[in-house]
Amino acid sequence: MPRDLLLINAAAFLRSVCVGLSGVVVGVYLFRRGLSSLDIGLTIGAGLAGAALATLIVSLRADRLGRRSTLLYISLLSSIAGIALAMTPPLPLLLLLAFVAMFNGMGTDRSPAFALEQAIIPGLISDDRRTWTLAWYNVVLDIGGALGALGAGLPPILAKWQGLALARSYQIVFIGYAGVTLLTGLLYLLLSPVVEVANAPALDLHQAHVSPAGKTVLTRIATLFSLDAFGGGLLADALLAYWFYRRFGASEGSLGLLFFFIRVLNATSHLGAAWLARRIGLINTMFFTHLPSSLFLIAVPFAPSFKIAVVLLLCREALVEMDVPTRQSYVAALVSVSERTFASGITNLARNVFWAAGSAVAGFFMQSIAFSAPLVVGSGCKISYDLLLYRSFRNLRPPEER
């Protein structure tokens, strides 16, 4: 089992390097290629919509098709995103390829593979290690994302050192993105049969093997996650990087460094979340860290300078991800082992659908209402989510807290 955890974390690390890179450079890159704010938002939204559909398939069929095979197929399809960005096809084809490749412009890994890995990991360890193991898994993701964010400086560096056009440098980086994504698929092939579910039924949304009480809880929590995700879609890293690029003229190198430190703060916060959850509980940790982060964020668009905006954003990022391992652990604790793939898939599906909607709306807001409107509206959605989550679930505790 430690070997399977190592392989899952290694694949997640490589995938997150790609996600961290795309979260910083894609908005700027597409703007340089002549796309409007609306086009950029639609491209990110199309990729997240594809991820939502794939997450639905994972929720209902992954245990039946085989978890290892499903993860491999996801990796193969994801590699198309790098090829599509290198080709820079016309917008309609770009949207189609982004959808098929489940392209992630969030900057943080929220892919179908992410949802399936969350279902696998709790089955490899005991309940008392669940939150800490998921916290370390998210640390690995954020370290990968941090290194990927630093990669945002590669296109200008390649252009300068090799005497290439900047567009050509971007193409080389995106081909590398495709290659790294394919490598994750090879790692999944090495997983042992322990990660599979024996005699798993093929489910549909009406026949999913979840108890009535579990369905009620999942419906409530997925609804709240949708509100949070819509706000998050308005604040995708690709859009935030694009906002800093347009608002303050930040370069790719500066943005890469900024998002590197963001991911480092995120990684540290995951361990802090696991430590805090043991003392005050999962729901309290989610609420008392996520709400302040949203208040910091809503102040960012009103910052008078780049430095102040960066400080506010870093304060937000030191707290915002503390609800991630706690949320994953909480969902896994509310259902039985046989229900975890469905529970993880359906809650991540809700998030992916509304991330896609939020990203598409963000482009419209930027172009037609106010360039900073997504930051204000997204923060407001997240504050509402925090208050409603605490009100709804503060008395529903996982087994280890009872």
Protein backbone atom coordinates (compact mmCIF):
# COMPACT_ATOMS: atom_id res chain seq x y z
CA MET A 1 0.00 0.00 0.00
CA PRO A 2 2.81 2.55 0.64
CA ARG A 3 3.95 1.88 -2.94
CA ASP A 4 0.50 2.75 -4.29
CA LEU A 5 0.44 5.96 -2.24
CA LEU A 6 3.87 6.85 -3.60
CA LEU A 7 2.76 6.28 -7.22
CA ILE A 8 -0.46 8.28 -6.74
CA ASN A 9 1.45 11.17 -5.19
CA ALA A 10 4.10 11.07 -7.94
CA ALA A 11 1.45 11.19 -10.68
CA ALA A 12 -0.43 13.93 -8.84
CA PHE A 13 2.80 15.93 -8.54
CA LEU A 14 3.52 15.78 -12.28
CA ARG A 15 -0.09 16.61 -13.16
CA SER A 16 -0.02 19.57 -10.81
CA VAL A 17 3.18 20.93 -12.39
CA CYS A 18 1.22 21.21 -15.64
CA VAL A 19 -1.79 22.74 -13.92
CA GLY A 20 0.38 25.28 -12.09
CA LEU A 21 2.03 26.30 -15.36
CA SER A 22 -1.22 26.67 -17.27
CA GLY A 23 -2.83 28.61 -14.43
CA VAL A 24 -0.26 31.39 -14.80
CA VAL A 25 0.55 31.57 -18.50
CA VAL A 26 -2.61 30.68 -20.41
CA GLY A 27 -4.56 33.89 -19.84
CA VAL A 28 -1.55 36.02 -20.80
CA TYR A 29 -0.65 33.74 -23.71
CA LEU A 30 -4.12 33.76 -25.23
CA PHE A 31 -4.31 37.54 -24.83
CA ARG A 32 -0.99 37.84 -26.66
CA ARG A 33 -2.48 35.67 -29.43
CA GLY A 34 -5.33 38.16 -29.86
CA LEU A 35 -8.14 36.59 -27.81
CA SER A 36 -10.47 38.85 -25.84
CA SER A 37 -11.32 38.58 -22.14
CA LEU A 38 -14.55 36.82 -23.10
CA ASP A 39 -12.70 34.34 -25.33
CA ILE A 40 -10.22 33.56 -22.56
CA GLY A 41 -13.03 33.00 -20.05
CA LEU A 42 -14.86 30.74 -22.50
CA THR A 43 -11.72 28.67 -23.14
CA ILE A 44 -11.16 28.10 -19.43
CA GLY A 45 -14.86 27.40 -18.97
CA ALA A 46 -14.89 24.87 -21.82
CA GLY A 47 -12.00 22.95 -20.23
CA LEU A 48 -13.72 22.88 -16.86
CA ALA A 49 -16.97 21.77 -18.48
CA GLY A 50 -15.11 18.83 -20.01
CA ALA A 51 -13.65 18.06 -16.59
CA ALA A 52 -17.17 18.13 -15.14
CA LEU A 53 -18.42 15.58 -17.67
CA ALA A 54 -15.40 13.35 -17.06
CA THR A 55 -15.93 13.64 -13.30
CA LEU A 56 -19.52 12.46 -13.76
CA ILE A 57 -18.27 9.42 -15.69
CA VAL A 58 -15.69 8.77 -12.96
CA SER A 59 -18.41 8.96 -10.30
CA LEU A 60 -20.64 6.40 -12.01
CA ARG A 61 -18.28 4.10 -13.91
CA ALA A 62 -14.70 4.30 -12.61
CA ASP A 63 -15.05 1.45 -10.11
CA ARG A 64 -16.63 -0.73 -12.80
CA LEU A 65 -14.23 0.20 -15.62
CA GLY A 66 -11.24 -0.07 -13.30
CA ARG A 67 -9.64 2.77 -11.42
CA ARG A 68 -6.21 2.28 -13.02
CA SER A 69 -7.62 2.19 -16.56
CA THR A 70 -9.76 5.26 -15.90
CA LEU A 71 -6.77 7.24 -14.62
CA LEU A 72 -4.77 6.23 -17.70
CA TYR A 73 -7.51 7.39 -20.11
CA ILE A 74 -7.76 10.71 -18.27
CA SER A 75 -4.01 11.24 -18.69
CA LEU A 76 -4.11 10.46 -22.41
CA LEU A 77 -6.95 12.89 -23.03
CA SER A 78 -5.38 15.59 -20.87
CA SER A 79 -2.26 15.64 -23.02
CA ILE A 80 -4.36 17.03 -25.89
CA ALA A 81 -4.50 20.37 -24.08
CA GLY A 82 -0.77 20.96 -24.51
CA ILE A 83 -0.93 20.10 -28.21
CA ALA A 84 -3.98 22.35 -28.73
CA LEU A 85 -2.29 25.33 -27.08
CA ALA A 86 0.86 24.78 -29.13
CA MET A 87 -1.22 24.69 -32.34
CA THR A 88 -3.32 27.76 -31.42
CA PRO A 89 -6.26 26.72 -33.63
CA PRO A 90 -9.28 28.94 -34.36
CA LEU A 91 -11.45 29.68 -31.33
CA PRO A 92 -14.23 27.11 -32.03
CA LEU A 93 -11.68 24.30 -32.39
CA LEU A 94 -9.73 25.55 -29.37
CA LEU A 95 -12.92 25.40 -27.27
CA LEU A 96 -13.63 21.85 -28.47
CA LEU A 97 -10.10 20.64 -27.73
CA ALA A 98 -10.10 22.34 -24.33
CA PHE A 99 -13.35 20.51 -23.54
CA VAL A 100 -12.06 17.11 -24.69
CA ALA A 101 -8.75 17.57 -22.87
CA MET A 102 -10.48 18.73 -19.66
CA PHE A 103 -8.12 21.72 -19.68
CA ASN A 104 -7.61 23.23 -16.22
CA GLY A 105 -7.05 26.97 -15.97
CA MET A 106 -7.78 27.05 -12.25
CA GLY A 107 -4.12 26.81 -11.31
CA THR A 108 -5.02 24.17 -8.71
CA ASP A 109 -5.68 20.56 -9.60
CA ARG A 110 -9.41 19.81 -9.63
CA SER A 111 -9.43 17.19 -12.38
CA PRO A 112 -11.37 13.91 -12.63
CA ALA A 113 -8.13 12.17 -11.65
CA PHE A 114 -8.06 14.33 -8.52
CA ALA A 115 -11.58 13.17 -7.63
CA LEU A 116 -10.73 9.50 -8.17
CA GLU A 117 -7.49 9.71 -6.20
CA GLN A 118 -9.47 11.12 -3.27
CA ALA A 119 -11.64 8.00 -3.34
CA ILE A 120 -8.62 5.66 -3.52
CA ILE A 121 -6.42 7.17 -0.80
CA PRO A 122 -8.78 6.73 2.21
CA GLY A 123 -9.04 3.03 1.37
CA LEU A 124 -5.26 2.63 1.68
CA ILE A 125 -4.99 3.95 5.25
CA SER A 126 -6.85 3.90 8.59
CA ASP A 127 -9.43 6.50 9.63
CA ASP A 128 -7.14 8.17 12.15
CA ARG A 129 -4.55 8.80 9.39
CA ARG A 130 -7.08 9.91 6.76
CA THR A 131 -6.90 13.69 7.24
CA TRP A 132 -3.10 13.77 7.56
CA THR A 133 -2.60 11.55 4.50
CA LEU A 134 -4.91 13.73 2.43
CA ALA A 135 -3.13 16.81 3.76
CA TRP A 136 0.23 15.47 2.54
CA TYR A 137 -1.35 14.55 -0.79
CA ASN A 138 -2.46 18.17 -1.17
CA VAL A 139 0.99 19.38 -0.12
CA VAL A 140 2.43 17.35 -3.00
CA LEU A 141 -0.11 18.91 -5.38
CA ASP A 142 0.78 22.42 -4.28
CA ILE A 143 4.53 21.84 -4.48
CA GLY A 144 3.97 20.66 -8.05
CA GLY A 145 1.81 23.69 -8.70
CA ALA A 146 4.49 25.98 -7.26
CA LEU A 147 7.16 24.57 -9.57
CA GLY A 148 4.74 24.76 -12.49
CA ALA A 149 4.09 28.42 -11.69
CA LEU A 150 7.83 29.13 -11.83
CA GLY A 151 7.72 27.58 -15.30
CA ALA A 152 5.74 30.65 -16.41
CA GLY A 153 9.08 32.37 -16.84
CA LEU A 154 10.32 29.72 -19.29
CA PRO A 155 8.89 31.14 -22.55
CA PRO A 156 10.62 34.56 -22.21
CA ILE A 157 13.83 32.84 -21.03
CA LEU A 158 13.81 30.43 -23.98
CA ALA A 159 13.09 33.28 -26.38
CA LYS A 160 16.06 35.25 -25.03
CA TRP A 161 18.60 32.43 -24.71
CA GLN A 162 17.76 30.56 -27.91
CA GLY A 163 16.89 33.55 -30.05
CA LEU A 164 13.37 32.25 -30.64
CA ALA A 165 10.17 34.14 -31.20
CA LEU A 166 8.12 34.30 -27.99
CA ALA A 167 5.27 32.40 -29.66
CA ARG A 168 7.65 29.58 -30.60
CA SER A 169 8.94 29.41 -27.01
CA TYR A 170 5.39 29.02 -25.76
CA GLN A 171 4.84 26.18 -28.24
CA ILE A 172 7.88 24.30 -26.91
CA VAL A 173 6.65 24.69 -23.33
CA PHE A 174 3.18 23.41 -24.22
CA ILE A 175 4.60 20.37 -26.02
CA GLY A 176 6.53 19.64 -22.82
CA TYR A 177 3.23 19.98 -20.95
CA ALA A 178 1.76 17.24 -23.14
CA GLY A 179 4.74 14.96 -22.54
CA VAL A 180 4.61 15.29 -18.76
CA THR A 181 0.88 14.55 -18.79
CA LEU A 182 1.52 11.32 -20.71
CA LEU A 183 4.11 10.32 -18.12
CA THR A 184 1.46 10.39 -15.38
CA GLY A 185 -0.45 7.72 -17.29
CA LEU A 186 2.56 5.40 -17.16
CA LEU A 187 2.71 5.78 -13.38
CA TYR A 188 -0.94 4.80 -13.04
CA LEU A 189 -0.23 1.56 -14.92
CA LEU A 190 2.11 0.55 -12.08
CA LEU A 191 -0.61 0.69 -9.39
CA SER A 192 -1.47 -2.62 -7.72
CA PRO A 193 -4.91 -4.29 -7.80
CA VAL A 194 -5.42 -3.14 -4.21
CA VAL A 195 -6.68 0.22 -5.50
CA GLU A 196 -9.59 -1.45 -7.31
CA VAL A 197 -13.09 -2.18 -5.99
CA ALA A 198 -14.08 -5.83 -6.32
CA ASN A 199 -17.42 -6.59 -8.02
CA ALA A 200 -18.28 -2.91 -8.35
CA PRO A 201 -21.73 -2.29 -9.90
CA ALA A 202 -22.28 0.03 -12.85
CA LEU A 203 -24.22 2.95 -11.40
CA ASP A 204 -26.47 5.67 -12.69
CA LEU A 205 -27.57 8.77 -10.85
CA HIS A 206 -30.81 7.12 -9.70
CA GLN A 207 -29.32 3.77 -8.69
CA ALA A 208 -26.10 4.89 -7.05
CA HIS A 209 -25.23 2.71 -4.08
CA VAL A 210 -25.55 5.40 -1.42
CA SER A 211 -27.73 5.18 1.67
CA PRO A 212 -30.74 7.55 1.92
CA ALA A 213 -29.05 9.46 4.75
CA GLY A 214 -25.86 9.68 2.68
CA LYS A 215 -27.75 11.02 -0.34
CA THR A 216 -29.34 13.73 1.79
CA VAL A 217 -26.00 14.86 3.18
CA LEU A 218 -24.29 14.70 -0.22
CA THR A 219 -27.05 16.76 -1.83
CA ARG A 220 -26.75 19.46 0.80
CA ILE A 221 -22.97 19.62 0.76
CA ALA A 222 -22.70 19.43 -3.05
CA THR A 223 -25.13 22.36 -3.32
CA LEU A 224 -22.94 24.45 -1.03
CA PHE A 225 -19.78 23.37 -2.84
CA SER A 226 -21.42 24.61 -6.05
CA LEU A 227 -21.76 28.12 -4.62
CA ASP A 228 -18.13 28.09 -3.51
CA ALA A 229 -17.02 26.75 -6.89
CA PHE A 230 -18.92 29.40 -8.84
CA GLY A 231 -17.02 32.01 -6.86
CA GLY A 232 -13.80 30.08 -7.48
CA GLY A 233 -14.49 29.94 -11.23
CA LEU A 234 -14.65 33.73 -11.25
CA LEU A 235 -11.20 33.68 -9.62
CA ALA A 236 -9.35 31.01 -11.65
CA ASP A 237 -5.57 31.48 -11.49
CA ALA A 238 -5.41 32.03 -15.24
CA LEU A 239 -7.88 34.90 -14.84
CA LEU A 240 -6.12 36.28 -11.75
CA ALA A 241 -2.77 36.23 -13.58
CA TYR A 242 -4.44 37.92 -16.55
CA TRP A 243 -5.94 40.51 -14.17
CA PHE A 244 -2.52 41.32 -12.67
CA TYR A 245 -1.01 41.46 -16.18
CA ARG A 246 -3.62 43.96 -17.41
CA ARG A 247 -4.11 45.91 -14.15
CA PHE A 248 -0.48 46.38 -13.12
CA GLY A 249 1.51 45.30 -16.19
CA ALA A 250 3.11 42.37 -14.37
CA SER A 251 5.43 40.22 -16.51
CA GLU A 252 5.25 36.45 -16.91
CA GLY A 253 8.34 36.10 -14.73
CA SER A 254 6.85 38.22 -11.93
CA LEU A 255 3.57 36.33 -12.14
CA GLY A 256 5.38 33.00 -12.05
CA LEU A 257 7.22 34.04 -8.89
CA LEU A 258 4.00 35.31 -7.30
CA PHE A 259 2.13 32.10 -7.95
CA PHE A 260 5.12 30.06 -6.82
CA PHE A 261 4.86 31.68 -3.38
CA ILE A 262 1.09 31.23 -3.47
CA ARG A 263 1.48 27.47 -3.94
CA VAL A 264 4.12 27.30 -1.19
CA LEU A 265 1.67 29.02 1.18
CA ASN A 266 -1.07 26.63 0.06
CA ALA A 267 1.16 23.63 0.72
CA THR A 268 2.06 24.83 4.22
CA SER A 269 -1.57 25.55 5.01
CA HIS A 270 -2.61 21.94 4.31
CA LEU A 271 -0.43 20.69 7.15
CA GLY A 272 -1.71 23.46 9.37
CA ALA A 273 -5.25 22.41 8.52
CA ALA A 274 -4.63 18.80 9.56
CA TRP A 275 -3.06 19.97 12.84
CA LEU A 276 -5.90 22.41 13.53
CA ALA A 277 -8.64 19.91 12.62
CA ARG A 278 -7.44 17.55 15.36
CA ARG A 279 -8.01 20.30 17.89
CA ILE A 280 -11.15 22.13 16.78
CA GLY A 281 -12.72 19.72 14.25
CA LEU A 282 -13.05 19.57 10.47
CA ILE A 283 -16.01 21.94 10.03
CA ASN A 284 -14.60 24.57 12.41
CA THR A 285 -11.28 24.45 10.57
CA MET A 286 -13.02 24.90 7.23
CA PHE A 287 -15.07 27.87 8.43
CA PHE A 288 -12.62 29.81 10.59
CA THR A 289 -9.89 29.76 7.93
CA HIS A 290 -11.87 30.11 4.71
CA LEU A 291 -13.99 33.11 5.76
CA PRO A 292 -11.01 35.39 6.56
CA SER A 293 -9.39 34.38 3.27
CA SER A 294 -12.46 35.61 1.39
CA LEU A 295 -12.33 38.94 3.23
CA PHE A 296 -8.70 39.42 2.21
CA LEU A 297 -9.60 38.63 -1.40
CA ILE A 298 -12.44 41.12 -1.66
CA ALA A 299 -9.96 43.86 -0.79
CA VAL A 300 -7.55 42.99 -3.64
CA PRO A 301 -9.32 44.87 -6.48
CA PHE A 302 -9.31 48.04 -4.35
CA ALA A 303 -5.55 47.92 -3.71
CA PRO A 304 -3.84 51.11 -4.95
CA SER A 305 -0.60 49.40 -5.98
CA PHE A 306 0.81 46.09 -7.17
CA LYS A 307 2.67 45.52 -3.88
CA ILE A 308 -0.42 45.98 -1.71
CA ALA A 309 -2.51 43.78 -4.01
CA VAL A 310 0.17 41.07 -3.77
CA VAL A 311 0.28 41.25 0.06
CA LEU A 312 -3.52 40.94 0.28
CA LEU A 313 -3.52 38.01 -2.17
CA LEU A 314 -0.76 36.22 -0.25
CA CYS A 315 -2.68 36.67 3.03
CA ARG A 316 -5.67 35.11 1.30
CA GLU A 317 -3.66 32.20 -0.08
CA ALA A 318 -2.12 31.40 3.31
CA LEU A 319 -5.64 30.47 4.49
CA VAL A 320 -7.84 29.62 1.51
CA GLU A 321 -6.64 26.04 0.93
CA MET A 322 -6.98 24.94 4.56
CA ASP A 323 -10.48 23.74 3.78
CA VAL A 324 -9.29 21.37 1.03
CA PRO A 325 -7.91 18.33 2.95
CA THR A 326 -10.49 18.90 5.68
CA ARG A 327 -13.27 18.96 3.09
CA GLN A 328 -11.99 15.79 1.41
CA SER A 329 -11.66 14.02 4.75
CA TYR A 330 -15.11 15.18 5.86
CA VAL A 331 -16.85 13.89 2.72
CA ALA A 332 -15.03 10.53 2.97
CA ALA A 333 -16.05 10.24 6.62
CA LEU A 334 -19.74 10.81 5.93
CA VAL A 335 -20.14 7.77 3.65
CA SER A 336 -19.14 4.11 3.66
CA VAL A 337 -16.07 2.77 1.87
CA SER A 338 -18.16 1.48 -1.06
CA GLU A 339 -19.73 4.93 -1.51
CA ARG A 340 -16.51 6.95 -1.61
CA THR A 341 -15.93 7.01 -5.37
CA PHE A 342 -19.47 8.23 -5.95
CA ALA A 343 -19.31 10.74 -3.08
CA SER A 344 -15.94 12.14 -4.14
CA GLY A 345 -17.00 12.21 -7.79
CA ILE A 346 -20.36 13.86 -7.25
CA THR A 347 -19.03 16.60 -4.96
CA ASN A 348 -16.17 17.31 -7.37
CA LEU A 349 -18.63 17.22 -10.26
CA ALA A 350 -20.67 19.95 -8.62
CA ARG A 351 -17.54 22.02 -8.21
CA ASN A 352 -16.36 21.48 -11.80
CA VAL A 353 -19.71 22.42 -13.32
CA PHE A 354 -19.84 25.70 -11.43
CA TRP A 355 -16.15 26.43 -11.93
CA ALA A 356 -16.85 26.21 -15.67
CA ALA A 357 -19.85 28.53 -15.36
CA GLY A 358 -17.93 30.96 -13.18
CA SER A 359 -14.95 31.15 -15.54
CA ALA A 360 -17.17 31.81 -18.57
CA VAL A 361 -19.11 34.50 -16.67
CA ALA A 362 -15.84 36.06 -15.46
CA GLY A 363 -14.77 36.76 -19.03
CA PHE A 364 -18.10 38.44 -19.71
CA PHE A 365 -17.84 40.50 -16.50
CA MET A 366 -14.31 41.61 -17.35
CA GLN A 367 -15.25 42.68 -20.86
CA SER A 368 -18.77 44.09 -20.37
CA ILE A 369 -19.18 45.25 -16.75
CA ALA A 370 -15.92 46.01 -14.93
CA PHE A 371 -12.50 44.44 -15.24
CA SER A 372 -12.33 43.76 -11.49
CA ALA A 373 -15.95 42.61 -11.13
CA PRO A 374 -15.09 38.87 -10.96
CA LEU A 375 -12.95 39.41 -7.85
CA VAL A 376 -15.71 41.23 -5.99
CA VAL A 377 -18.54 38.88 -7.00
CA GLY A 378 -16.40 35.76 -6.49
CA SER A 379 -15.43 36.85 -2.98
CA GLY A 380 -19.07 37.52 -2.14
CA CYS A 381 -20.05 34.01 -3.27
CA LYS A 382 -17.35 32.47 -1.11
CA ILE A 383 -18.35 34.46 1.98
CA SER A 384 -21.95 33.28 1.53
CA TYR A 385 -20.74 29.68 1.19
CA ASP A 386 -18.73 29.90 4.41
CA LEU A 387 -21.69 31.15 6.43
CA LEU A 388 -24.13 28.61 5.00
CA LEU A 389 -21.72 25.67 5.42
CA TYR A 390 -21.12 26.43 9.08
CA ARG A 391 -24.82 26.85 9.75
CA SER A 392 -25.73 23.58 8.00
CA PHE A 393 -22.98 21.20 9.18
CA ARG A 394 -21.54 22.45 12.47
CA ASN A 395 -23.40 19.72 14.39
CA LEU A 396 -22.68 16.83 11.98
CA ARG A 397 -19.35 15.37 13.08
CA PRO A 398 -17.18 12.65 11.49
CA PRO A 399 -16.61 9.39 13.45
CA GLU A 400 -13.24 10.41 14.91
CA GLU A 401 -14.79 13.54 16.48
CA ARG A 402 -17.79 11.85 18.10
